[in-house]
Amino acid sequence: MKVEKYLNDEIEAKGSIHISLLDPEKLTPTETAKLVRIIEDSGSTAIMVGGSLNVNESLMDDLIKIIKENCDLPVINFPSNVNTISRYADAIWFMSLLNSLNPYFIIGAQVQGAAIVKKYGLETLPMGYIVVGDGGTVGIVGQARPIPPHKAEVITLYALAAQYLGMRYVYIEGGSGVSEPVPPDTVRYVRSQVSVRLVVGGGIKRREQAEALAEAGADIIVTGTILEGNDIEKKLREIVDGVHAGGKKRMRRSS
């Protein structure tokens, strides 16, 4: 399966899609097996696997193998460093944290990881990664220069830079567990200025938030924190339904 083609086909059909994010540090094998069945049944398009803290290649490998044993969704490696690249993933977000203050997260880790990605034969999904607001844990670990979520013009310049550098995805990340997602108005403005696939994550906890972001222009909505609490199946179905509803509204408006 070519994951990029699959994602693009799903986006073209639905307007916007949902991807679930799993953190290897927070799941047991039994929990993972149960959770991925819920994710697949809820209509999520793919599964991302990654974490900012206490994750290594062995943990990634073990979790991805369990995912593949229990569902048919493609698995995308979401690495925080070179030691979290898994040979068992179907693809990898090969990404640069564009607003990091540390060159390591802009290009250094990518140089080190390139040989591993080639050795494993992973499909690469080139991505410009932009952390906004406080960015949660990833903002701290990645030493990101904070960009206020409402500074749409600044975020857009980073997104355009990613596009002009040839990256085919831009991920606007609010951070894991943050109180509010990126504002829809910001997403709408960025969408009006760039043509690459737009991914939005962080702080999305309710259907209406997911729907608004999808309608505003997010091609992909990522959620992870809601998969760690109670009533996961109900919450996830509502989020996915919201993503698809927002995507359909956007398709109708552009037709």
Protein backbone atom coordinates (compact mmCIF):
# COMPACT_ATOMS: atom_id res chain seq x y z
CA MET A 1 0.00 0.00 0.00
CA LYS A 2 1.26 3.47 -0.89
CA VAL A 3 0.21 5.42 2.17
CA GLU A 4 0.39 8.87 0.56
CA LYS A 5 -1.91 7.83 -2.28
CA TYR A 6 -4.28 6.23 0.21
CA LEU A 7 -4.41 9.41 2.33
CA ASN A 8 -4.94 11.61 -0.73
CA ASP A 9 -7.71 9.37 -2.06
CA GLU A 10 -9.48 9.45 1.31
CA ILE A 11 -9.17 13.23 1.54
CA GLU A 12 -10.53 13.66 -1.98
CA ALA A 13 -13.49 11.42 -1.15
CA LYS A 14 -14.33 12.83 2.29
CA GLY A 15 -12.99 16.37 2.29
CA SER A 16 -11.16 15.80 5.57
CA ILE A 17 -9.96 12.71 7.43
CA HIS A 18 -9.07 11.72 10.97
CA ILE A 19 -5.88 10.05 12.18
CA SER A 20 -5.48 8.59 15.67
CA LEU A 21 -2.21 9.13 17.54
CA LEU A 22 -0.95 6.46 19.95
CA ASP A 23 1.88 6.88 22.46
CA PRO A 24 3.83 3.64 23.12
CA GLU A 25 4.72 4.75 26.65
CA LYS A 26 1.08 4.93 27.72
CA LEU A 27 -0.30 1.61 26.44
CA THR A 28 -0.02 -2.03 27.41
CA PRO A 29 -0.28 -4.72 24.71
CA THR A 30 -3.81 -5.64 25.85
CA GLU A 31 -4.93 -2.01 25.84
CA THR A 32 -3.43 -1.49 22.40
CA ALA A 33 -5.19 -4.48 20.86
CA LYS A 34 -8.56 -3.33 22.18
CA LEU A 35 -8.00 0.32 21.31
CA VAL A 36 -7.00 -0.17 17.68
CA ARG A 37 -10.17 -2.15 17.01
CA ILE A 38 -12.17 0.78 18.37
CA ILE A 39 -10.14 3.19 16.22
CA GLU A 40 -10.79 1.17 13.07
CA ASP A 41 -14.50 0.76 13.80
CA SER A 42 -14.85 4.49 14.52
CA GLY A 43 -13.82 5.48 11.00
CA SER A 44 -10.32 6.80 11.64
CA THR A 45 -8.28 6.65 8.41
CA ALA A 46 -4.86 5.74 9.82
CA ILE A 47 -2.84 5.41 13.02
CA MET A 48 0.18 7.50 13.95
CA VAL A 49 2.59 6.13 16.54
CA GLY A 50 4.95 8.35 18.50
CA GLY A 51 5.71 10.06 21.78
CA SER A 52 7.94 12.85 23.04
CA LEU A 53 9.25 11.15 26.18
CA ASN A 54 10.58 7.71 27.21
CA VAL A 55 10.06 6.08 23.80
CA ASN A 56 12.64 4.00 21.92
CA GLU A 57 12.74 1.84 18.82
CA SER A 58 11.94 -1.33 20.73
CA LEU A 59 8.78 0.18 22.22
CA MET A 60 7.76 1.48 18.81
CA ASP A 61 8.36 -1.90 17.16
CA ASP A 62 6.36 -3.78 19.78
CA LEU A 63 3.39 -1.42 19.61
CA ILE A 64 3.28 -1.32 15.82
CA LYS A 65 3.37 -5.12 15.58
CA ILE A 66 0.40 -5.34 17.94
CA ILE A 67 -1.48 -2.73 15.92
CA LYS A 68 -0.92 -4.66 12.71
CA GLU A 69 -2.09 -7.90 14.31
CA ASN A 70 -5.39 -6.32 15.33
CA CYS A 71 -6.43 -3.92 12.55
CA ASP A 72 -5.89 -3.16 8.86
CA LEU A 73 -5.27 0.58 9.06
CA PRO A 74 -1.91 1.88 7.81
CA VAL A 75 0.58 2.83 10.54
CA ILE A 76 2.58 6.04 10.21
CA ASN A 77 5.73 6.45 12.30
CA PHE A 78 5.70 9.85 14.10
CA PRO A 79 9.29 10.00 15.37
CA SER A 80 10.50 12.32 18.10
CA ASN A 81 14.13 11.39 17.43
CA VAL A 82 16.32 8.99 15.43
CA ASN A 83 15.90 6.27 18.06
CA THR A 84 12.12 6.10 17.53
CA ILE A 85 12.13 4.97 13.88
CA SER A 86 10.44 1.60 13.39
CA ARG A 87 11.01 -0.81 10.50
CA TYR A 88 7.46 -2.12 10.95
CA ALA A 89 5.66 1.13 10.06
CA ASP A 90 4.02 1.55 6.66
CA ALA A 91 5.33 5.10 6.32
CA ILE A 92 7.09 7.81 8.30
CA TRP A 93 6.45 11.52 8.67
CA PHE A 94 9.89 12.73 7.58
CA MET A 95 9.56 16.11 9.20
CA SER A 96 11.43 19.23 10.17
CA LEU A 97 10.40 21.23 13.25
CA LEU A 98 10.57 24.52 11.40
CA ASN A 99 10.31 26.88 14.37
CA SER A 100 12.77 25.10 16.64
CA LEU A 101 15.61 27.17 18.07
CA ASN A 102 17.87 24.12 17.81
CA PRO A 103 19.19 23.20 14.34
CA TYR A 104 19.17 19.56 15.42
CA PHE A 105 15.37 19.43 15.16
CA ILE A 106 15.34 21.37 11.89
CA ILE A 107 17.87 19.23 9.97
CA GLY A 108 20.35 17.43 12.27
CA ALA A 109 18.06 14.57 13.31
CA GLN A 110 16.88 14.20 9.72
CA VAL A 111 20.45 13.76 8.48
CA GLN A 112 21.09 11.10 11.13
CA GLY A 113 17.77 9.37 10.47
CA ALA A 114 18.00 9.30 6.69
CA ALA A 115 20.22 6.21 6.58
CA ILE A 116 17.87 4.34 8.93
CA VAL A 117 14.82 5.25 6.84
CA LYS A 118 16.58 4.07 3.68
CA LYS A 119 17.75 0.84 5.32
CA TYR A 120 14.21 0.02 6.46
CA GLY A 121 12.69 0.99 3.10
CA LEU A 122 10.07 3.21 4.72
CA GLU A 123 7.76 5.35 2.60
CA THR A 124 8.51 8.98 3.45
CA LEU A 125 5.85 11.65 3.90
CA PRO A 126 7.76 14.97 3.88
CA MET A 127 6.34 17.37 6.43
CA GLY A 128 6.93 20.86 7.78
CA TYR A 129 6.12 20.75 11.50
CA ILE A 130 5.04 24.00 13.19
CA VAL A 131 4.44 24.12 16.95
CA VAL A 132 2.13 26.93 18.07
CA GLY A 133 1.14 28.25 21.48
CA ASP A 134 2.95 26.63 24.40
CA GLY A 135 3.18 23.47 22.30
CA GLY A 136 2.85 21.13 25.28
CA THR A 137 5.62 18.59 25.77
CA VAL A 138 6.73 18.63 22.14
CA GLY A 139 7.32 22.37 22.33
CA ILE A 140 9.64 21.90 25.31
CA VAL A 141 11.50 18.88 23.96
CA GLY A 142 11.80 20.37 20.47
CA GLN A 143 12.90 23.76 21.84
CA ALA A 144 10.31 25.50 19.70
CA ARG A 145 10.08 29.28 19.50
CA PRO A 146 6.47 29.93 20.56
CA ILE A 147 4.17 31.27 17.84
CA PRO A 148 0.85 32.60 19.21
CA PRO A 149 -2.03 30.57 17.69
CA HIS A 150 -3.72 33.73 16.42
CA LYS A 151 -0.65 34.91 14.49
CA ALA A 152 -1.97 33.41 11.26
CA GLU A 153 0.31 35.47 9.02
CA VAL A 154 3.44 34.21 10.77
CA ILE A 155 2.27 30.59 10.76
CA THR A 156 1.45 30.95 7.07
CA LEU A 157 4.99 32.10 6.26
CA TYR A 158 6.38 28.96 7.87
CA ALA A 159 3.82 26.88 5.94
CA LEU A 160 4.73 28.58 2.67
CA ALA A 161 8.42 27.99 3.34
CA ALA A 162 7.67 24.30 3.81
CA GLN A 163 5.71 24.23 0.56
CA TYR A 164 8.45 26.00 -1.38
CA LEU A 165 11.02 23.58 0.04
CA GLY A 166 9.01 20.75 -1.50
CA MET A 167 7.30 19.37 1.61
CA ARG A 168 3.89 17.95 0.81
CA TYR A 169 2.37 18.24 4.30
CA VAL A 170 2.29 20.98 6.91
CA TYR A 171 1.39 20.07 10.48
CA ILE A 172 0.16 22.87 12.73
CA GLU A 173 0.59 21.38 16.20
CA GLY A 174 -0.94 22.87 19.31
CA GLY A 175 0.67 20.24 21.54
CA SER A 176 -0.60 17.22 23.43
CA GLY A 177 -3.08 17.97 26.20
CA VAL A 178 -3.37 21.72 25.58
CA SER A 179 -6.61 23.40 26.64
CA GLU A 180 -7.73 24.70 23.24
CA PRO A 181 -6.99 23.76 19.63
CA VAL A 182 -5.59 26.04 16.94
CA PRO A 183 -8.29 28.62 16.08
CA PRO A 184 -10.32 27.82 12.93
CA ASP A 185 -9.69 31.35 11.65
CA THR A 186 -5.95 30.64 11.69
CA VAL A 187 -6.43 27.40 9.79
CA ARG A 188 -8.71 29.15 7.30
CA TYR A 189 -6.11 31.82 6.58
CA VAL A 190 -3.27 29.31 6.18
CA ARG A 191 -5.47 27.20 3.90
CA SER A 192 -6.12 30.22 1.69
CA GLN A 193 -2.39 30.73 1.16
CA VAL A 194 -0.93 27.23 0.74
CA SER A 195 -1.74 24.28 -1.50
CA VAL A 196 -0.07 21.44 0.44
CA ARG A 197 -1.96 19.05 2.69
CA LEU A 198 -2.74 20.73 6.00
CA VAL A 199 -2.65 18.68 9.21
CA VAL A 200 -3.95 20.08 12.51
CA GLY A 201 -3.64 18.57 15.99
CA GLY A 202 -3.59 19.43 19.68
CA GLY A 203 -6.41 20.24 22.09
CA ILE A 204 -9.23 18.79 19.95
CA LYS A 205 -11.64 17.21 22.41
CA ARG A 206 -15.14 17.82 21.02
CA ARG A 207 -17.02 17.16 17.79
CA GLU A 208 -17.73 20.83 17.12
CA GLN A 209 -14.01 21.67 17.35
CA ALA A 210 -13.10 18.95 14.85
CA GLU A 211 -15.90 19.99 12.49
CA ALA A 212 -14.90 23.65 12.58
CA LEU A 213 -11.24 22.88 11.84
CA ALA A 214 -12.10 20.53 8.99
CA GLU A 215 -14.49 23.06 7.48
CA ALA A 216 -11.84 25.78 7.86
CA GLY A 217 -9.38 23.83 5.73
CA ALA A 218 -7.66 21.05 7.67
CA ASP A 219 -7.20 18.03 5.40
CA ILE A 220 -6.23 15.84 8.35
CA ILE A 221 -7.25 16.13 12.01
CA VAL A 222 -5.06 14.31 14.55
CA THR A 223 -6.20 13.43 18.08
CA GLY A 224 -4.38 11.48 20.76
CA THR A 225 -5.31 12.60 24.27
CA ILE A 226 -8.97 11.55 23.93
CA LEU A 227 -7.74 7.97 23.42
CA GLU A 228 -6.30 7.93 26.95
CA GLY A 229 -9.42 8.62 29.02
CA ASN A 230 -12.90 7.22 29.58
CA ASP A 231 -15.71 6.70 27.05
CA ILE A 232 -13.10 6.47 24.28
CA GLU A 233 -15.38 4.85 21.72
CA LYS A 234 -18.11 7.48 22.11
CA LYS A 235 -15.70 10.43 22.08
CA LEU A 236 -13.75 9.13 19.10
CA ARG A 237 -16.86 8.45 17.01
CA GLU A 238 -18.07 11.98 17.69
CA ILE A 239 -14.71 13.47 16.68
CA VAL A 240 -14.51 11.41 13.48
CA ASP A 241 -18.11 12.27 12.58
CA GLY A 242 -17.28 15.94 13.13
CA VAL A 243 -14.23 15.72 10.87
CA HIS A 244 -16.24 14.13 8.08
CA ALA A 245 -19.12 16.61 8.50
CA GLY A 246 -16.72 19.56 8.27
CA GLY A 247 -15.02 18.04 5.26
CA LYS A 248 -18.33 17.61 3.44
CA LYS A 249 -19.27 21.22 4.15
CA ARG A 250 -15.98 22.37 2.68
CA MET A 251 -16.46 20.18 -0.41
CA ARG A 252 -19.96 21.58 -0.98
CA ARG A 253 -18.70 25.13 -0.63
CA SER A 254 -15.89 24.62 -3.15
CA SER A 255 -17.98 22.75 -5.74
